[in-house]
C-alpha atoms as a PDB file:
ATOM      1  CA  LEU A   1      32.459 -33.886  33.376  1.00  0.00           C
ATOM      2  CA  TYR A   2      28.953 -32.870  34.432  1.00  0.00           C
ATOM      3  CA  THR A   3      28.439 -36.173  36.263  1.00  0.00           C
ATOM      4  CA  GLU A   4      31.714 -35.607  38.130  1.00  0.00           C
ATOM      5  CA  MET A   5      30.613 -32.061  39.009  1.00  0.00           C
ATOM      6  CA  LYS A   6      27.332 -33.363  40.450  1.00  0.00           C
ATOM      7  CA  GLU A   7      29.159 -36.026  42.477  1.00  0.00           C
ATOM      8  CA  ARG A   8      31.614 -33.493  43.876  1.00  0.00           C
ATOM      9  CA  SER A   9      28.736 -31.166  44.648  1.00  0.00           C
ATOM     10  CA  LYS A  10      27.013 -33.917  46.646  1.00  0.00           C
ATOM     11  CA  ARG A  11      30.236 -34.416  48.626  1.00  0.00           C
ATOM     12  CA  GLY A  12      30.505 -30.679  49.311  1.00  0.00           C
ATOM     13  CA  GLU A  13      33.685 -30.286  47.249  1.00  0.00           C
ATOM     14  CA  LEU A  14      32.144 -28.064  44.600  1.00  0.00           C
ATOM     15  CA  ARG A  15      29.174 -25.737  44.291  1.00  0.00           C
ATOM     16  CA  PHE A  16      27.584 -24.596  41.068  1.00  0.00           C
ATOM     17  CA  ALA A  17      24.233 -23.291  39.951  1.00  0.00           C
ATOM     18  CA  VAL A  18      22.553 -22.928  36.580  1.00  0.00           C
ATOM     19  CA  ALA A  19      19.474 -20.796  35.975  1.00  0.00           C
ATOM     20  CA  MET A  20      17.439 -20.747  32.795  1.00  0.00           C
ATOM     21  CA  THR A  21      14.906 -18.267  31.485  1.00  0.00           C
ATOM     22  CA  SER A  22      11.777 -18.997  29.507  1.00  0.00           C
ATOM     23  CA  SER A  23      11.314 -17.847  25.942  1.00  0.00           C
ATOM     24  CA  LYS A  24       8.244 -15.926  27.092  1.00  0.00           C
ATOM     25  CA  LYS A  25      10.307 -13.934  29.606  1.00  0.00           C
ATOM     26  CA  ILE A  26      13.020 -13.240  27.028  1.00  0.00           C
ATOM     27  CA  ASP A  27      10.360 -11.907  24.653  1.00  0.00           C
ATOM     28  CA  HIS A  28       8.884  -9.789  27.451  1.00  0.00           C
ATOM     29  CA  ILE A  29      12.021  -8.167  28.890  1.00  0.00           C
ATOM     30  CA  GLY A  30      14.689  -8.763  26.216  1.00  0.00           C
ATOM     31  CA  ILE A  31      17.656 -11.117  25.990  1.00  0.00           C
ATOM     32  CA  VAL A  32      20.200  -9.053  27.972  1.00  0.00           C
ATOM     33  CA  PRO A  33      17.912  -8.392  30.973  1.00  0.00           C
ATOM     34  CA  ALA A  34      16.857 -12.067  30.875  1.00  0.00           C
ATOM     35  CA  VAL A  35      20.483 -13.247  30.952  1.00  0.00           C
ATOM     36  CA  ASN A  36      21.217 -10.838  33.796  1.00  0.00           C
ATOM     37  CA  ASP A  37      18.200 -12.113  35.737  1.00  0.00           C
ATOM     38  CA  ALA A  38      19.276 -15.727  35.253  1.00  0.00           C
ATOM     39  CA  MET A  39      22.784 -14.848  36.454  1.00  0.00           C
ATOM     40  CA  ARG A  40      21.360 -13.113  39.520  1.00  0.00           C
ATOM     41  CA  ARG A  41      19.227 -16.183  40.327  1.00  0.00           C
ATOM     42  CA  ALA A  42      22.173 -18.557  39.907  1.00  0.00           C
ATOM     43  CA  LEU A  43      24.386 -16.438  42.168  1.00  0.00           C
ATOM     44  CA  THR A  44      21.599 -16.254  44.743  1.00  0.00           C
ATOM     45  CA  ARG A  45      21.275 -20.057  44.705  1.00  0.00           C
ATOM     46  CA  LEU A  46      24.954 -20.342  45.599  1.00  0.00           C
ATOM     47  CA  ASN A  47      24.224 -18.398  48.782  1.00  0.00           C
ATOM     48  CA  VAL A  48      27.525 -16.523  48.785  1.00  0.00           C
ATOM     49  CA  HIS A  49      28.236 -13.155  50.345  1.00  0.00           C
ATOM     50  CA  PRO A  50      28.441 -10.653  47.472  1.00  0.00           C
ATOM     51  CA  GLU A  51      31.229  -8.684  49.140  1.00  0.00           C
ATOM     52  CA  GLU A  52      33.343 -11.768  49.918  1.00  0.00           C
ATOM     53  CA  CYS A  53      33.277 -13.836  46.727  1.00  0.00           C
ATOM     54  CA  MET A  54      34.976 -13.520  43.366  1.00  0.00           C
ATOM     55  CA  VAL A  55      32.688 -13.787  40.318  1.00  0.00           C
ATOM     56  CA  LEU A  56      34.364 -14.767  37.065  1.00  0.00           C
ATOM     57  CA  LEU A  57      32.318 -14.118  33.934  1.00  0.00           C
ATOM     58  CA  ASP A  58      32.603 -15.057  30.296  1.00  0.00           C
ATOM     59  CA  GLY A  59      32.343 -12.673  27.351  1.00  0.00           C
ATOM     60  CA  GLY A  60      30.649  -9.356  27.984  1.00  0.00           C
ATOM     61  CA  LEU A  61      28.685 -10.373  31.062  1.00  0.00           C
ATOM     62  CA  LYS A  62      28.523  -8.368  34.263  1.00  0.00           C
ATOM     63  CA  ALA A  63      27.233  -9.581  37.612  1.00  0.00           C
ATOM     64  CA  PRO A  64      24.930  -7.393  39.709  1.00  0.00           C
ATOM     65  CA  LYS A  65      26.846  -4.460  41.203  1.00  0.00           C
ATOM     66  CA  LYS A  66      26.543  -5.817  44.746  1.00  0.00           C
ATOM     67  CA  TYR A  67      29.133  -8.460  43.750  1.00  0.00           C
ATOM     68  CA  LEU A  68      32.116  -6.242  44.429  1.00  0.00           C
ATOM     69  CA  HIS A  69      34.797  -8.597  43.133  1.00  0.00           C
ATOM     70  CA  GLN A  70      34.070  -9.622  39.582  1.00  0.00           C
ATOM     71  CA  GLU A  71      36.036 -10.034  36.406  1.00  0.00           C
ATOM     72  CA  THR A  72      34.761 -10.474  32.875  1.00  0.00           C
ATOM     73  CA  ILE A  73      37.094 -12.459  30.660  1.00  0.00           C
ATOM     74  CA  ILE A  74      36.729 -12.584  26.889  1.00  0.00           C
ATOM     75  CA  LYS A  75      36.695 -16.265  25.870  1.00  0.00           C
ATOM     76  CA  GLY A  76      36.735 -17.074  29.574  1.00  0.00           C
ATOM     77  CA  ASP A  77      35.472 -20.600  28.960  1.00  0.00           C
ATOM     78  CA  GLU A  78      38.716 -21.239  27.039  1.00  0.00           C
ATOM     79  CA  LYS A  79      40.991 -19.560  29.577  1.00  0.00           C
ATOM     80  CA  VAL A  80      39.577 -20.213  33.065  1.00  0.00           C
ATOM     81  CA  TYR A  81      38.765 -23.701  34.302  1.00  0.00           C
ATOM     82  CA  ALA A  82      35.946 -22.535  36.607  1.00  0.00           C
ATOM     83  CA  ILE A  83      34.196 -20.726  33.740  1.00  0.00           C
ATOM     84  CA  ALA A  84      34.636 -23.764  31.475  1.00  0.00           C
ATOM     85  CA  LEU A  85      33.059 -25.995  34.135  1.00  0.00           C
ATOM     86  CA  GLU A  86      30.039 -23.753  34.538  1.00  0.00           C
ATOM     87  CA  SER A  87      29.692 -23.418  30.778  1.00  0.00           C
ATOM     88  CA  SER A  88      29.736 -27.215  30.478  1.00  0.00           C
ATOM     89  CA  ALA A  89      27.093 -27.601  33.189  1.00  0.00           C
ATOM     90  CA  ALA A  90      24.849 -25.032  31.522  1.00  0.00           C
ATOM     91  CA  LYS A  91      25.218 -26.735  28.138  1.00  0.00           C
ATOM     92  CA  VAL A  92      24.435 -30.194  29.518  1.00  0.00           C
ATOM     93  CA  MET A  93      21.339 -28.877  31.301  1.00  0.00           C
ATOM     94  CA  ARG A  94      20.190 -26.979  28.213  1.00  0.00           C
ATOM     95  CA  ASP A  95      20.706 -30.047  26.023  1.00  0.00           C
ATOM     96  CA  GLU A  96      18.655 -32.095  28.488  1.00  0.00           C
ATOM     97  CA  LYS A  97      15.879 -29.512  28.319  1.00  0.00           C
ATOM     98  CA  MET A  98      15.983 -29.640  24.514  1.00  0.00           C
ATOM     99  CA  ARG A  99      15.745 -33.455  24.532  1.00  0.00           C
ATOM    100  CA  ASN A 100      12.655 -33.177  26.738  1.00  0.00           C
ATOM    101  CA  LEU A 101      11.175 -30.583  24.392  1.00  0.00           C
ATOM    102  CA  GLY A 102      11.827 -33.039  21.576  1.00  0.00           C
ATOM    103  CA  TYR A 103       9.361 -35.426  23.235  1.00  0.00           C
ATOM    104  CA  GLN A 104       6.808 -32.656  23.777  1.00  0.00           C
ATOM    105  CA  TYR A 105       7.135 -31.232  20.269  1.00  0.00           C
ATOM    106  CA  PRO A 106       8.380 -34.083  18.048  1.00  0.00           C
ATOM    107  CA  ALA A 107       7.740 -32.190  14.797  1.00  0.00           C
ATOM    108  CA  TYR A 108      10.557 -29.726  15.561  1.00  0.00           C
ATOM    109  CA  GLY A 109      13.552 -32.010  16.217  1.00  0.00           C
ATOM    110  CA  PHE A 110      14.716 -30.113  19.329  1.00  0.00           C
ATOM    111  CA  GLU A 111      16.552 -33.228  20.522  1.00  0.00           C
ATOM    112  CA  GLN A 112      18.767 -33.054  17.436  1.00  0.00           C
ATOM    113  CA  HIS A 113      19.462 -29.353  16.825  1.00  0.00           C
ATOM    114  CA  LYS A 114      19.076 -28.335  20.495  1.00  0.00           C
ATOM    115  CA  GLY A 115      17.152 -25.198  19.528  1.00  0.00           C
ATOM    116  CA  TYR A 116      19.950 -23.686  17.476  1.00  0.00           C
ATOM    117  CA  GLY A 117      19.176 -22.006  14.174  1.00  0.00           C
ATOM    118  CA  THR A 118      19.957 -24.924  11.915  1.00  0.00           C
ATOM    119  CA  ARG A 119      18.446 -25.446   8.505  1.00  0.00           C
ATOM    120  CA  ALA A 120      16.412 -28.381   9.866  1.00  0.00           C
ATOM    121  CA  HIS A 121      15.030 -26.205  12.666  1.00  0.00           C
ATOM    122  CA  TYR A 122      14.044 -23.406  10.289  1.00  0.00           C
ATOM    123  CA  LEU A 123      12.375 -25.881   7.921  1.00  0.00           C
ATOM    124  CA  ALA A 124      10.412 -27.412  10.825  1.00  0.00           C
ATOM    125  CA  VAL A 125       9.214 -23.956  11.878  1.00  0.00           C
ATOM    126  CA  LYS A 126       8.212 -23.040   8.341  1.00  0.00           C
ATOM    127  CA  LYS A 127       6.301 -26.328   8.037  1.00  0.00           C
ATOM    128  CA  ASN A 128       4.688 -26.419  11.513  1.00  0.00           C
ATOM    129  CA  GLY A 129       4.650 -22.793  12.639  1.00  0.00           C
ATOM    130  CA  ILE A 130       6.006 -21.820  16.036  1.00  0.00           C
ATOM    131  CA  CYS A 131       5.344 -23.574  19.337  1.00  0.00           C
ATOM    132  CA  LEU A 132       5.128 -22.172  22.863  1.00  0.00           C
ATOM    133  CA  GLU A 133       8.861 -22.649  23.382  1.00  0.00           C
ATOM    134  CA  HIS A 134       9.988 -20.458  20.516  1.00  0.00           C
ATOM    135  CA  ARG A 135      11.135 -16.909  21.159  1.00  0.00           C
ATOM    136  CA  LEU A 136       8.733 -14.798  19.157  1.00  0.00           C
ATOM    137  CA  SER A 137      11.213 -11.919  19.018  1.00  0.00           C
ATOM    138  CA  PHE A 138      13.674 -14.180  17.206  1.00  0.00           C
ATOM    139  CA  MET A 139      11.259 -16.274  15.163  1.00  0.00           C
ATOM    140  CA  GLN A 140       9.749 -13.234  13.445  1.00  0.00           C
ATOM    141  CA  LYS A 141      13.094 -12.795  11.702  1.00  0.00           C
ATOM    142  CA  VAL A 142      13.144 -16.464  10.670  1.00  0.00           C
ATOM    143  CA  LEU A 143       9.565 -16.497   9.409  1.00  0.00           C
ATOM    144  CA  SER A 144      10.045 -13.355   7.334  1.00  0.00           C
ATOM    145  CA  VAL A 145      12.936 -14.905   5.351  1.00  0.00           C
END
């Protein structure tokens, strides 16, 4: 699906943007402001007029107020094809990032658990400590268990 999205994007049939935020920034400003900043950056990359476009959001997200036409849909990735596509693109890009981190930090198994809080991930952290990619605000909870 992601490959098809990229091909259609190259042909001008589809536009999408994904923005990620570093663990350091999340620790600095908090998860909600970091998600909002990433959303703002992705919308900016699309180069749309905020007063002319419709922004569809999943869960409890809200776009910046300048995007006049927006709708937040609970379980939107299950109900709205456009949200599902963007969710898929974000997941593929995140998984790719985690595979790359697996090469950088082989002791942690990022390529397998993709950074999620699995037992294997927690055991790797307890054995090796944290690396630069871990969110300190989250890992303090893990390390104290």
